[in-house]
Amino acid sequence: MYIKDHIVRIENIKTLHALDAVNINHKVIALFMTCEGIPLKEFEVSAILNSFDSLGSKKIPSKKVQALLKAKQLSEDDDTFPCPV
């Protein structure tokens, strides 16, 4: 599954989470998001919500986070690397 064009905006993820919190069927959530211009299917809503819920469940050492951020910055500054996905 590709991350949909606008689903990366935190407001949309919060909307999905809020609708799920009040036990609205994922098929209905998918239809609502499609009407809002973000075509989603029921299984994609479930996958996004499951991924969202698992975020933050495991913490990594700050040293590793700093190394990842530095590597990202280095790749952004270097024009010889291909564009990241």
PDB file of N, CA and C in Angstrom:
ATOM      1  N   MET A   1       0.843  -1.181   0.000  1.00  0.00           N
ATOM      2  CA  MET A   1       0.000   0.000   0.000  1.00  0.00           C
ATOM      3  C   MET A   1       0.884   1.238   0.000  1.00  0.00           C
ATOM      4  N   TYR A   2       0.567   2.162  -0.859  1.00  0.00           N
ATOM      5  CA  TYR A   2       1.251   3.452  -0.853  1.00  0.00           C
ATOM      6  C   TYR A   2       0.565   4.363   0.148  1.00  0.00           C
ATOM      7  N   ILE A   3       1.352   5.190   0.813  1.00  0.00           N
ATOM      8  CA  ILE A   3       0.745   6.199   1.665  1.00  0.00           C
ATOM      9  C   ILE A   3       0.036   7.167   0.726  1.00  0.00           C
ATOM     10  N   LYS A   4      -1.211   7.398   0.968  1.00  0.00           N
ATOM     11  CA  LYS A   4      -2.004   8.245   0.083  1.00  0.00           C
ATOM     12  C   LYS A   4      -1.461   9.663   0.070  1.00  0.00           C
ATOM     13  N   ASP A   5      -1.821  10.406  -0.976  1.00  0.00           N
ATOM     14  CA  ASP A   5      -1.253  11.738  -1.196  1.00  0.00           C
ATOM     15  C   ASP A   5      -1.341  12.641   0.031  1.00  0.00           C
ATOM     16  N   HIS A   6      -2.464  12.674   0.691  1.00  0.00           N
ATOM     17  CA  HIS A   6      -2.641  13.637   1.775  1.00  0.00           C
ATOM     18  C   HIS A   6      -2.739  13.000   3.149  1.00  0.00           C
ATOM     19  N   ILE A   7      -2.651  11.683   3.227  1.00  0.00           N
ATOM     20  CA  ILE A   7      -2.836  11.031   4.519  1.00  0.00           C
ATOM     21  C   ILE A   7      -1.694  11.339   5.473  1.00  0.00           C
ATOM     22  N   VAL A   8      -0.558  11.780   4.948  1.00  0.00           N
ATOM     23  CA  VAL A   8       0.574  12.067   5.817  1.00  0.00           C
ATOM     24  C   VAL A   8       0.341  13.311   6.661  1.00  0.00           C
ATOM     25  N   ARG A   9      -0.663  14.096   6.299  1.00  0.00           N
ATOM     26  CA  ARG A   9      -0.959  15.266   7.127  1.00  0.00           C
ATOM     27  C   ARG A   9      -1.549  14.795   8.440  1.00  0.00           C
ATOM     28  N   ILE A  10      -1.010  15.262   9.521  1.00  0.00           N
ATOM     29  CA  ILE A  10      -1.398  14.784  10.849  1.00  0.00           C
ATOM     30  C   ILE A  10      -2.878  15.017  11.134  1.00  0.00           C
ATOM     31  N   GLU A  11      -3.468  16.054  10.548  1.00  0.00           N
ATOM     32  CA  GLU A  11      -4.889  16.305  10.789  1.00  0.00           C
ATOM     33  C   GLU A  11      -5.729  15.135  10.286  1.00  0.00           C
ATOM     34  N   ASN A  12      -5.343  14.582   9.140  1.00  0.00           N
ATOM     35  CA  ASN A  12      -6.097  13.468   8.577  1.00  0.00           C
ATOM     36  C   ASN A  12      -5.939  12.202   9.406  1.00  0.00           C
ATOM     37  N   ILE A  13      -4.758  11.979   9.931  1.00  0.00           N
ATOM     38  CA  ILE A  13      -4.544  10.812  10.783  1.00  0.00           C
ATOM     39  C   ILE A  13      -5.321  10.981  12.082  1.00  0.00           C
ATOM     40  N   LYS A  14      -5.351  12.201  12.616  1.00  0.00           N
ATOM     41  CA  LYS A  14      -6.138  12.463  13.821  1.00  0.00           C
ATOM     42  C   LYS A  14      -7.620  12.237  13.551  1.00  0.00           C
ATOM     43  N   THR A  15      -8.090  12.612  12.358  1.00  0.00           N
ATOM     44  CA  THR A  15      -9.486  12.393  11.997  1.00  0.00           C
ATOM     45  C   THR A  15      -9.792  10.904  11.960  1.00  0.00           C
ATOM     46  N   LEU A  16      -8.911  10.126  11.316  1.00  0.00           N
ATOM     47  CA  LEU A  16      -9.102   8.674  11.281  1.00  0.00           C
ATOM     48  C   LEU A  16      -9.160   8.106  12.693  1.00  0.00           C
ATOM     49  N   HIS A  17      -8.252   8.536  13.529  1.00  0.00           N
ATOM     50  CA  HIS A  17      -8.190   8.029  14.900  1.00  0.00           C
ATOM     51  C   HIS A  17      -9.432   8.422  15.694  1.00  0.00           C
ATOM     52  N   ALA A  18      -9.891   9.660  15.524  1.00  0.00           N
ATOM     53  CA  ALA A  18     -11.084  10.120  16.253  1.00  0.00           C
ATOM     54  C   ALA A  18     -12.329   9.352  15.814  1.00  0.00           C
ATOM     55  N   LEU A  19     -12.470   9.119  14.512  1.00  0.00           N
ATOM     56  CA  LEU A  19     -13.623   8.373  14.018  1.00  0.00           C
ATOM     57  C   LEU A  19     -13.582   6.927  14.502  1.00  0.00           C
ATOM     58  N   ASP A  20     -12.394   6.351  14.542  1.00  0.00           N
ATOM     59  CA  ASP A  20     -12.253   4.985  15.034  1.00  0.00           C
ATOM     60  C   ASP A  20     -12.536   4.899  16.529  1.00  0.00           C
ATOM     61  N   ALA A  21     -12.174   5.939  17.258  1.00  0.00           N
ATOM     62  CA  ALA A  21     -12.365   5.944  18.716  1.00  0.00           C
ATOM     63  C   ALA A  21     -13.830   5.872  19.109  1.00  0.00           C
ATOM     64  N   VAL A  22     -14.717   6.363  18.244  1.00  0.00           N
ATOM     65  CA  VAL A  22     -16.156   6.302  18.551  1.00  0.00           C
ATOM     66  C   VAL A  22     -16.818   5.119  17.838  1.00  0.00           C
ATOM     67  N   ASN A  23     -15.987   4.141  17.471  1.00  0.00           N
ATOM     68  CA  ASN A  23     -16.429   2.872  16.893  1.00  0.00           C
ATOM     69  C   ASN A  23     -17.193   2.999  15.580  1.00  0.00           C
ATOM     70  N   ILE A  24     -16.771   3.932  14.733  1.00  0.00           N
ATOM     71  CA  ILE A  24     -17.345   4.022  13.395  1.00  0.00           C
ATOM     72  C   ILE A  24     -16.650   2.963  12.533  1.00  0.00           C
ATOM     73  N   ASN A  25     -17.438   2.249  11.758  1.00  0.00           N
ATOM     74  CA  ASN A  25     -16.937   1.183  10.903  1.00  0.00           C
ATOM     75  C   ASN A  25     -15.871   1.722   9.952  1.00  0.00           C
ATOM     76  N   HIS A  26     -14.828   0.936   9.733  1.00  0.00           N
ATOM     77  CA  HIS A  26     -13.723   1.378   8.872  1.00  0.00           C
ATOM     78  C   HIS A  26     -14.180   1.578   7.430  1.00  0.00           C
ATOM     79  N   LYS A  27     -15.203   0.867   7.014  1.00  0.00           N
ATOM     80  CA  LYS A  27     -15.741   1.064   5.667  1.00  0.00           C
ATOM     81  C   LYS A  27     -16.361   2.453   5.546  1.00  0.00           C
ATOM     82  N   VAL A  28     -17.049   2.894   6.598  1.00  0.00           N
ATOM     83  CA  VAL A  28     -17.652   4.225   6.624  1.00  0.00           C
ATOM     84  C   VAL A  28     -16.570   5.291   6.681  1.00  0.00           C
ATOM     85  N   ILE A  29     -15.523   5.060   7.460  1.00  0.00           N
ATOM     86  CA  ILE A  29     -14.404   6.005   7.536  1.00  0.00           C
ATOM     87  C   ILE A  29     -13.750   6.140   6.164  1.00  0.00           C
ATOM     88  N   ALA A  30     -13.554   5.010   5.484  1.00  0.00           N
ATOM     89  CA  ALA A  30     -12.947   5.032   4.148  1.00  0.00           C
ATOM     90  C   ALA A  30     -13.815   5.835   3.181  1.00  0.00           C
ATOM     91  N   LEU A  31     -15.124   5.663   3.253  1.00  0.00           N
ATOM     92  CA  LEU A  31     -16.037   6.409   2.394  1.00  0.00           C
ATOM     93  C   LEU A  31     -15.970   7.904   2.702  1.00  0.00           C
ATOM     94  N   PHE A  32     -15.935   8.252   3.977  1.00  0.00           N
ATOM     95  CA  PHE A  32     -15.827   9.651   4.384  1.00  0.00           C
ATOM     96  C   PHE A  32     -14.548  10.284   3.845  1.00  0.00           C
ATOM     97  N   MET A  33     -13.423   9.576   3.999  1.00  0.00           N
ATOM     98  CA  MET A  33     -12.148  10.109   3.530  1.00  0.00           C
ATOM     99  C   MET A  33     -12.128  10.219   2.006  1.00  0.00           C
ATOM    100  N   THR A  34     -12.751   9.283   1.327  1.00  0.00           N
ATOM    101  CA  THR A  34     -12.841   9.343  -0.126  1.00  0.00           C
ATOM    102  C   THR A  34     -13.635  10.564  -0.551  1.00  0.00           C
ATOM    103  N   CYS A  35     -14.719  10.850   0.153  1.00  0.00           N
ATOM    104  CA  CYS A  35     -15.516  12.047  -0.141  1.00  0.00           C
ATOM    105  C   CYS A  35     -14.712  13.324   0.105  1.00  0.00           C
ATOM    106  N   GLU A  36     -13.752  13.262   1.001  1.00  0.00           N
ATOM    107  CA  GLU A  36     -12.896  14.409   1.307  1.00  0.00           C
ATOM    108  C   GLU A  36     -11.725  14.524   0.339  1.00  0.00           C
ATOM    109  N   GLY A  37     -11.653  13.629  -0.638  1.00  0.00           N
ATOM    110  CA  GLY A  37     -10.602  13.710  -1.639  1.00  0.00           C
ATOM    111  C   GLY A  37      -9.409  12.811  -1.394  1.00  0.00           C
ATOM    112  N   ILE A  38      -9.508  11.933  -0.407  1.00  0.00           N
ATOM    113  CA  ILE A  38      -8.421  11.007  -0.108  1.00  0.00           C
ATOM    114  C   ILE A  38      -8.966   9.596  -0.295  1.00  0.00           C
ATOM    115  N   PRO A  39      -8.768   9.020  -1.486  1.00  0.00           N
ATOM    116  CA  PRO A  39      -9.345   7.692  -1.739  1.00  0.00           C
ATOM    117  C   PRO A  39      -8.698   6.615  -0.882  1.00  0.00           C
ATOM    118  N   LEU A  40      -9.474   6.047   0.018  1.00  0.00           N
ATOM    119  CA  LEU A  40      -9.007   4.971   0.900  1.00  0.00           C
ATOM    120  C   LEU A  40      -9.963   3.802   0.818  1.00  0.00           C
ATOM    121  N   LYS A  41      -9.428   2.630   1.086  1.00  0.00           N
ATOM    122  CA  LYS A  41     -10.234   1.427   1.182  1.00  0.00           C
ATOM    123  C   LYS A  41     -10.280   1.020   2.656  1.00  0.00           C
ATOM    124  N   GLU A  42     -11.223   0.162   2.982  1.00  0.00           N
ATOM    125  CA  GLU A  42     -11.412  -0.253   4.373  1.00  0.00           C
ATOM    126  C   GLU A  42     -10.134  -0.842   4.974  1.00  0.00           C
ATOM    127  N   PHE A  43      -9.447  -1.722   4.237  1.00  0.00           N
ATOM    128  CA  PHE A  43      -8.244  -2.355   4.772  1.00  0.00           C
ATOM    129  C   PHE A  43      -7.119  -1.339   4.959  1.00  0.00           C
ATOM    130  N   GLU A  44      -7.103  -0.277   4.150  1.00  0.00           N
ATOM    131  CA  GLU A  44      -6.072   0.748   4.295  1.00  0.00           C
ATOM    132  C   GLU A  44      -6.304   1.566   5.565  1.00  0.00           C
ATOM    133  N   VAL A  45      -7.575   1.840   5.868  1.00  0.00           N
ATOM    134  CA  VAL A  45      -7.894   2.547   7.117  1.00  0.00           C
ATOM    135  C   VAL A  45      -7.418   1.710   8.299  1.00  0.00           C
ATOM    136  N   SER A  46      -7.716   0.407   8.267  1.00  0.00           N
ATOM    137  CA  SER A  46      -7.287  -0.480   9.355  1.00  0.00           C
ATOM    138  C   SER A  46      -5.774  -0.500   9.482  1.00  0.00           C
ATOM    139  N   ALA A  47      -5.075  -0.587   8.351  1.00  0.00           N
ATOM    140  CA  ALA A  47      -3.605  -0.637   8.378  1.00  0.00           C
ATOM    141  C   ALA A  47      -3.022   0.656   8.931  1.00  0.00           C
ATOM    142  N   ILE A  48      -3.566   1.794   8.526  1.00  0.00           N
ATOM    143  CA  ILE A  48      -3.062   3.085   9.001  1.00  0.00           C
ATOM    144  C   ILE A  48      -3.289   3.217  10.503  1.00  0.00           C
ATOM    145  N   LEU A  49      -4.479   2.840  10.967  1.00  0.00           N
ATOM    146  CA  LEU A  49      -4.774   2.939  12.393  1.00  0.00           C
ATOM    147  C   LEU A  49      -3.902   1.991  13.212  1.00  0.00           C
ATOM    148  N   ASN A  50      -3.679   0.785  12.717  1.00  0.00           N
ATOM    149  CA  ASN A  50      -2.813  -0.157  13.437  1.00  0.00           C
ATOM    150  C   ASN A  50      -1.381   0.353  13.501  1.00  0.00           C
ATOM    151  N   SER A  51      -0.901   0.932  12.410  1.00  0.00           N
ATOM    152  CA  SER A  51       0.448   1.498  12.400  1.00  0.00           C
ATOM    153  C   SER A  51       0.546   2.675  13.355  1.00  0.00           C
ATOM    154  N   PHE A  52      -0.491   3.527  13.342  1.00  0.00           N
ATOM    155  CA  PHE A  52      -0.511   4.695  14.212  1.00  0.00           C
ATOM    156  C   PHE A  52      -0.483   4.276  15.676  1.00  0.00           C
ATOM    157  N   ASP A  53      -1.264   3.234  16.013  1.00  0.00           N
ATOM    158  CA  ASP A  53      -1.320   2.771  17.399  1.00  0.00           C
ATOM    159  C   ASP A  53      -0.010   2.154  17.858  1.00  0.00           C
ATOM    160  N   SER A  54       0.760   1.581  16.929  1.00  0.00           N
ATOM    161  CA  SER A  54       2.008   0.947  17.334  1.00  0.00           C
ATOM    162  C   SER A  54       3.160   1.937  17.445  1.00  0.00           C
ATOM    163  N   LEU A  55       2.968   3.169  16.933  1.00  0.00           N
ATOM    164  CA  LEU A  55       4.021   4.177  17.048  1.00  0.00           C
ATOM    165  C   LEU A  55       4.254   4.512  18.512  1.00  0.00           C
ATOM    166  N   GLY A  56       5.470   4.631  18.885  1.00  0.00           N
ATOM    167  CA  GLY A  56       5.806   5.006  20.245  1.00  0.00           C
ATOM    168  C   GLY A  56       5.768   3.863  21.237  1.00  0.00           C
ATOM    169  N   SER A  57       5.456   2.655  20.773  1.00  0.00           N
ATOM    170  CA  SER A  57       5.396   1.542  21.714  1.00  0.00           C
ATOM    171  C   SER A  57       6.786   1.055  22.113  1.00  0.00           C
ATOM    172  N   LYS A  58       7.779   1.345  21.278  1.00  0.00           N
ATOM    173  CA  LYS A  58       9.149   0.964  21.597  1.00  0.00           C
ATOM    174  C   LYS A  58      10.039   2.176  21.392  1.00  0.00           C
ATOM    175  N   LYS A  59      10.825   2.481  22.378  1.00  0.00           N
ATOM    176  CA  LYS A  59      11.708   3.640  22.284  1.00  0.00           C
ATOM    177  C   LYS A  59      13.115   3.184  21.923  1.00  0.00           C
ATOM    178  N   ILE A  60      13.762   4.012  21.111  1.00  0.00           N
ATOM    179  CA  ILE A  60      15.151   3.727  20.766  1.00  0.00           C
ATOM    180  C   ILE A  60      16.026   4.773  21.443  1.00  0.00           C
ATOM    181  N   PRO A  61      17.278   4.429  21.680  1.00  0.00           N
ATOM    182  CA  PRO A  61      18.173   5.373  22.359  1.00  0.00           C
ATOM    183  C   PRO A  61      18.342   6.664  21.559  1.00  0.00           C
ATOM    184  N   SER A  62      18.476   7.766  22.268  1.00  0.00           N
ATOM    185  CA  SER A  62      18.601   9.067  21.605  1.00  0.00           C
ATOM    186  C   SER A  62      19.850   9.138  20.725  1.00  0.00           C
ATOM    187  N   LYS A  63      20.875   8.362  21.056  1.00  0.00           N
ATOM    188  CA  LYS A  63      22.085   8.323  20.236  1.00  0.00           C
ATOM    189  C   LYS A  63      21.760   7.831  18.823  1.00  0.00           C
ATOM    190  N   LYS A  64      20.901   6.809  18.729  1.00  0.00           N
ATOM    191  CA  LYS A  64      20.503   6.276  17.426  1.00  0.00           C
ATOM    192  C   LYS A  64      19.640   7.278  16.674  1.00  0.00           C
ATOM    193  N   VAL A  65      18.770   7.961  17.393  1.00  0.00           N
ATOM    194  CA  VAL A  65      17.919   8.970  16.761  1.00  0.00           C
ATOM    195  C   VAL A  65      18.778  10.079  16.172  1.00  0.00           C
ATOM    196  N   GLN A  66      19.768  10.534  16.923  1.00  0.00           N
ATOM    197  CA  GLN A  66      20.660  11.583  16.438  1.00  0.00           C
ATOM    198  C   GLN A  66      21.426  11.115  15.203  1.00  0.00           C
ATOM    199  N   ALA A  67      21.863   9.866  15.196  1.00  0.00           N
ATOM    200  CA  ALA A  67      22.588   9.328  14.042  1.00  0.00           C
ATOM    201  C   ALA A  67      21.685   9.268  12.815  1.00  0.00           C
ATOM    202  N   LEU A  68      20.423   8.852  12.999  1.00  0.00           N
ATOM    203  CA  LEU A  68      19.477   8.808  11.881  1.00  0.00           C
ATOM    204  C   LEU A  68      19.205  10.198  11.323  1.00  0.00           C
ATOM    205  N   LEU A  69      19.019  11.177  12.209  1.00  0.00           N
ATOM    206  CA  LEU A  69      18.773  12.544  11.766  1.00  0.00           C
ATOM    207  C   LEU A  69      19.979  13.115  11.023  1.00  0.00           C
ATOM    208  N   LYS A  70      21.164  12.809  11.532  1.00  0.00           N
ATOM    209  CA  LYS A  70      22.375  13.299  10.877  1.00  0.00           C
ATOM    210  C   LYS A  70      22.534  12.664   9.497  1.00  0.00           C
ATOM    211  N   ALA A  71      22.265  11.371   9.387  1.00  0.00           N
ATOM    212  CA  ALA A  71      22.351  10.684   8.093  1.00  0.00           C
ATOM    213  C   ALA A  71      21.348  11.258   7.101  1.00  0.00           C
ATOM    214  N   LYS A  72      20.166  11.562   7.588  1.00  0.00           N
ATOM    215  CA  LYS A  72      19.156  12.151   6.710  1.00  0.00           C
ATOM    216  C   LYS A  72      19.612  13.524   6.226  1.00  0.00           C
ATOM    217  N   GLN A  73      20.160  14.313   7.129  1.00  0.00           N
ATOM    218  CA  GLN A  73      20.622  15.647   6.763  1.00  0.00           C
ATOM    219  C   GLN A  73      21.761  15.570   5.752  1.00  0.00           C
ATOM    220  N   LEU A  74      22.663  14.625   5.946  1.00  0.00           N
ATOM    221  CA  LEU A  74      23.774  14.464   5.005  1.00  0.00           C
ATOM    222  C   LEU A  74      23.269  14.088   3.618  1.00  0.00           C
ATOM    223  N   SER A  75      22.276  13.213   3.564  1.00  0.00           N
ATOM    224  CA  SER A  75      21.761  12.795   2.256  1.00  0.00           C
ATOM    225  C   SER A  75      20.985  13.917   1.586  1.00  0.00           C
ATOM    226  N   GLU A  76      20.355  14.791   2.369  1.00  0.00           N
ATOM    227  CA  GLU A  76      19.625  15.924   1.795  1.00  0.00           C
ATOM    228  C   GLU A  76      20.582  16.971   1.241  1.00  0.00           C
ATOM    229  N   ASP A  77      21.737  17.110   1.881  1.00  0.00           N
ATOM    230  CA  ASP A  77      22.705  18.120   1.453  1.00  0.00           C
ATOM    231  C   ASP A  77      23.542  17.672   0.263  1.00  0.00           C
ATOM    232  N   ASP A  78      23.572  16.375  -0.007  1.00  0.00           N
ATOM    233  CA  ASP A  78      24.415  15.844  -1.078  1.00  0.00           C
ATOM    234  C   ASP A  78      23.582  15.638  -2.349  1.00  0.00           C
ATOM    235  N   ASP A  79      23.932  16.353  -3.418  1.00  0.00           N
ATOM    236  CA  ASP A  79      23.191  16.267  -4.677  1.00  0.00           C
ATOM    237  C   ASP A  79      23.505  14.998  -5.458  1.00  0.00           C
ATOM    238  N   THR A  80      24.507  14.237  -5.046  1.00  0.00           N
ATOM    239  CA  THR A  80      24.864  13.041  -5.808  1.00  0.00           C
ATOM    240  C   THR A  80      23.953  11.869  -5.466  1.00  0.00           C
ATOM    241  N   PHE A  81      23.274  11.916  -4.314  1.00  0.00           N
ATOM    242  CA  PHE A  81      22.346  10.850  -3.946  1.00  0.00           C
ATOM    243  C   PHE A  81      21.050  11.010  -4.701  1.00  0.00           C
ATOM    244  N   PRO A  82      20.408   9.898  -5.063  1.00  0.00           N
ATOM    245  CA  PRO A  82      19.089  10.017  -5.680  1.00  0.00           C
ATOM    246  C   PRO A  82      18.068  10.512  -4.666  1.00  0.00           C
ATOM    247  N   CYS A  83      16.993  11.056  -5.162  1.00  0.00           N
ATOM    248  CA  CYS A  83      15.944  11.578  -4.298  1.00  0.00           C
ATOM    249  C   CYS A  83      15.358  10.440  -3.457  1.00  0.00           C
ATOM    250  N   PRO A  84      15.244  10.615  -2.133  1.00  0.00           N
ATOM    251  CA  PRO A  84      14.668   9.542  -1.297  1.00  0.00           C
ATOM    252  C   PRO A  84      13.189   9.365  -1.594  1.00  0.00           C
ATOM    253  N   VAL A  85      12.696   8.205  -1.286  1.00  0.00           N
ATOM    254  CA  VAL A  85      11.285   7.918  -1.563  1.00  0.00           C
ATOM    255  C   VAL A  85      10.376   8.761  -0.720  1.00  0.00           C
TER     256      VAL A  85
END
